[in-house]
Amino acid sequence: MRVIKAILALCFVAMGLFFGALNRQHVHVDFGIATADLRLGLLVLVTLLLGAFLGGVAVMAGVVWPLRRRLRPSSGQASGPDARELAETREPRP
């Protein structure tokens, strides 16, 4: 499975390199507070990476952090029986 994931990752890196090499035109980008002349391929790849990063942060903030907060035991209260209590309730095996 790791080999398949590595091959897929290399394929996507190769496709990104080809995309950047084929789209070498310079474009003028106005950010509102600044402007830049960038290569089209680089601009699209950076935009995609930024979107993936911001999407990951949104998932972390909306799903993962609330679940971790809910699963974290509150201070001062036990979240469940500890090992000694479980051992005492078990019947000995014959």
C-alpha atoms as a PDB file:
ATOM      1  CA  MET A   1       0.000   0.000   0.000  1.00  0.00           C
ATOM      2  CA  ARG A   2       2.866   2.374   0.766  1.00  0.00           C
ATOM      3  CA  VAL A   3       4.367   1.691  -2.638  1.00  0.00           C
ATOM      4  CA  ILE A   4       1.091   2.591  -4.364  1.00  0.00           C
ATOM      5  CA  LYS A   5       0.834   5.827  -2.371  1.00  0.00           C
ATOM      6  CA  ALA A   6       4.438   6.712  -3.213  1.00  0.00           C
ATOM      7  CA  ILE A   7       3.864   6.055  -6.917  1.00  0.00           C
ATOM      8  CA  LEU A   8       0.691   8.185  -6.879  1.00  0.00           C
ATOM      9  CA  ALA A   9       2.527  11.005  -5.101  1.00  0.00           C
ATOM     10  CA  LEU A  10       5.329  10.893  -7.674  1.00  0.00           C
ATOM     11  CA  CYS A  11       2.785  10.953 -10.513  1.00  0.00           C
ATOM     12  CA  PHE A  12       1.142  14.066  -9.082  1.00  0.00           C
ATOM     13  CA  VAL A  13       4.518  15.763  -8.611  1.00  0.00           C
ATOM     14  CA  ALA A  14       5.444  14.935 -12.199  1.00  0.00           C
ATOM     15  CA  MET A  15       2.104  16.276 -13.462  1.00  0.00           C
ATOM     16  CA  GLY A  16       2.658  19.482 -11.487  1.00  0.00           C
ATOM     17  CA  LEU A  17       6.134  19.893 -12.961  1.00  0.00           C
ATOM     18  CA  PHE A  18       4.826  19.338 -16.488  1.00  0.00           C
ATOM     19  CA  PHE A  19       1.959  21.764 -15.899  1.00  0.00           C
ATOM     20  CA  GLY A  20       4.362  24.429 -14.643  1.00  0.00           C
ATOM     21  CA  ALA A  21       6.739  23.864 -17.547  1.00  0.00           C
ATOM     22  CA  LEU A  22       3.997  24.047 -20.175  1.00  0.00           C
ATOM     23  CA  ASN A  23       2.422  27.253 -18.794  1.00  0.00           C
ATOM     24  CA  ARG A  24       5.332  29.673 -18.757  1.00  0.00           C
ATOM     25  CA  GLN A  25       3.362  32.769 -19.769  1.00  0.00           C
ATOM     26  CA  HIS A  26       3.662  35.691 -17.398  1.00  0.00           C
ATOM     27  CA  VAL A  27       0.423  37.083 -15.998  1.00  0.00           C
ATOM     28  CA  HIS A  28      -0.169  40.310 -14.117  1.00  0.00           C
ATOM     29  CA  VAL A  29      -1.992  39.723 -10.808  1.00  0.00           C
ATOM     30  CA  ASP A  30      -3.500  42.535  -8.749  1.00  0.00           C
ATOM     31  CA  PHE A  31      -3.966  41.594  -5.069  1.00  0.00           C
ATOM     32  CA  GLY A  32      -5.585  44.906  -4.121  1.00  0.00           C
ATOM     33  CA  ILE A  33      -2.688  46.067  -1.963  1.00  0.00           C
ATOM     34  CA  ALA A  34       0.086  44.829  -4.255  1.00  0.00           C
ATOM     35  CA  THR A  35       0.625  43.590  -7.782  1.00  0.00           C
ATOM     36  CA  ALA A  36       2.869  40.871  -9.152  1.00  0.00           C
ATOM     37  CA  ASP A  37       3.974  39.422 -12.480  1.00  0.00           C
ATOM     38  CA  LEU A  38       4.008  35.648 -12.059  1.00  0.00           C
ATOM     39  CA  ARG A  39       4.186  32.610 -14.299  1.00  0.00           C
ATOM     40  CA  LEU A  40       0.757  31.118 -14.912  1.00  0.00           C
ATOM     41  CA  GLY A  41       1.745  27.571 -13.925  1.00  0.00           C
ATOM     42  CA  LEU A  42       3.317  28.724 -10.672  1.00  0.00           C
ATOM     43  CA  LEU A  43       0.309  30.884  -9.854  1.00  0.00           C
ATOM     44  CA  VAL A  44      -2.161  28.027 -10.382  1.00  0.00           C
ATOM     45  CA  LEU A  45      -0.079  25.534  -8.369  1.00  0.00           C
ATOM     46  CA  VAL A  46       0.400  27.957  -5.461  1.00  0.00           C
ATOM     47  CA  THR A  47      -3.321  28.742  -5.509  1.00  0.00           C
ATOM     48  CA  LEU A  48      -4.188  25.036  -5.382  1.00  0.00           C
ATOM     49  CA  LEU A  49      -1.786  24.422  -2.481  1.00  0.00           C
ATOM     50  CA  LEU A  50      -3.127  27.419  -0.585  1.00  0.00           C
ATOM     51  CA  GLY A  51      -6.702  26.208  -1.116  1.00  0.00           C
ATOM     52  CA  ALA A  52      -5.832  22.712   0.115  1.00  0.00           C
ATOM     53  CA  PHE A  53      -4.141  24.178   3.196  1.00  0.00           C
ATOM     54  CA  LEU A  54      -7.076  26.460   4.009  1.00  0.00           C
ATOM     55  CA  GLY A  55      -9.508  23.562   3.481  1.00  0.00           C
ATOM     56  CA  GLY A  56      -7.496  21.435   5.913  1.00  0.00           C
ATOM     57  CA  VAL A  57      -7.526  24.203   8.497  1.00  0.00           C
ATOM     58  CA  ALA A  58     -11.300  24.569   8.075  1.00  0.00           C
ATOM     59  CA  VAL A  59     -11.815  20.828   8.635  1.00  0.00           C
ATOM     60  CA  MET A  60      -9.549  20.908  11.691  1.00  0.00           C
ATOM     61  CA  ALA A  61     -11.421  23.872  13.176  1.00  0.00           C
ATOM     62  CA  GLY A  62     -14.886  22.579  12.359  1.00  0.00           C
ATOM     63  CA  VAL A  63     -14.560  18.860  13.050  1.00  0.00           C
ATOM     64  CA  VAL A  64     -11.331  17.677  14.637  1.00  0.00           C
ATOM     65  CA  TRP A  65     -10.853  20.249  17.405  1.00  0.00           C
ATOM     66  CA  PRO A  66     -14.451  20.030  18.688  1.00  0.00           C
ATOM     67  CA  LEU A  67     -14.224  16.215  18.752  1.00  0.00           C
ATOM     68  CA  ARG A  68     -10.914  16.328  20.632  1.00  0.00           C
ATOM     69  CA  ARG A  69     -12.394  18.784  23.116  1.00  0.00           C
ATOM     70  CA  ARG A  70     -15.395  16.500  23.640  1.00  0.00           C
ATOM     71  CA  LEU A  71     -13.196  13.398  24.094  1.00  0.00           C
ATOM     72  CA  ARG A  72     -10.762  15.092  26.474  1.00  0.00           C
ATOM     73  CA  PRO A  73     -11.638  14.234  30.099  1.00  0.00           C
ATOM     74  CA  SER A  74     -12.662  17.262  32.113  1.00  0.00           C
ATOM     75  CA  SER A  75     -10.327  18.256  34.918  1.00  0.00           C
ATOM     76  CA  GLY A  76     -11.239  16.814  38.314  1.00  0.00           C
ATOM     77  CA  GLN A  77     -13.724  14.241  37.064  1.00  0.00           C
ATOM     78  CA  ALA A  78     -12.947  10.752  35.928  1.00  0.00           C
ATOM     79  CA  SER A  79     -14.243   9.956  32.478  1.00  0.00           C
ATOM     80  CA  GLY A  80     -14.774   6.287  33.264  1.00  0.00           C
ATOM     81  CA  PRO A  81     -13.704   3.441  35.518  1.00  0.00           C
ATOM     82  CA  ASP A  82      -9.999   2.985  35.959  1.00  0.00           C
ATOM     83  CA  ALA A  83      -8.153  -0.334  35.722  1.00  0.00           C
ATOM     84  CA  ARG A  84      -8.373  -1.152  39.440  1.00  0.00           C
ATOM     85  CA  GLU A  85     -12.155  -0.814  39.480  1.00  0.00           C
ATOM     86  CA  LEU A  86     -12.447  -3.057  36.440  1.00  0.00           C
ATOM     87  CA  ALA A  87     -10.138  -5.668  37.975  1.00  0.00           C
ATOM     88  CA  GLU A  88     -12.185  -5.736  41.206  1.00  0.00           C
ATOM     89  CA  THR A  89     -15.455  -6.330  39.384  1.00  0.00           C
ATOM     90  CA  ARG A  90     -14.210  -9.283  37.380  1.00  0.00           C
ATOM     91  CA  GLU A  91     -14.804 -12.746  38.680  1.00  0.00           C
ATOM     92  CA  PRO A  92     -11.736 -14.953  39.014  1.00  0.00           C
ATOM     93  CA  ARG A  93     -11.357 -17.635  36.400  1.00  0.00           C
ATOM     94  CA  PRO A  94     -11.375 -21.245  37.639  1.00  0.00           C
END
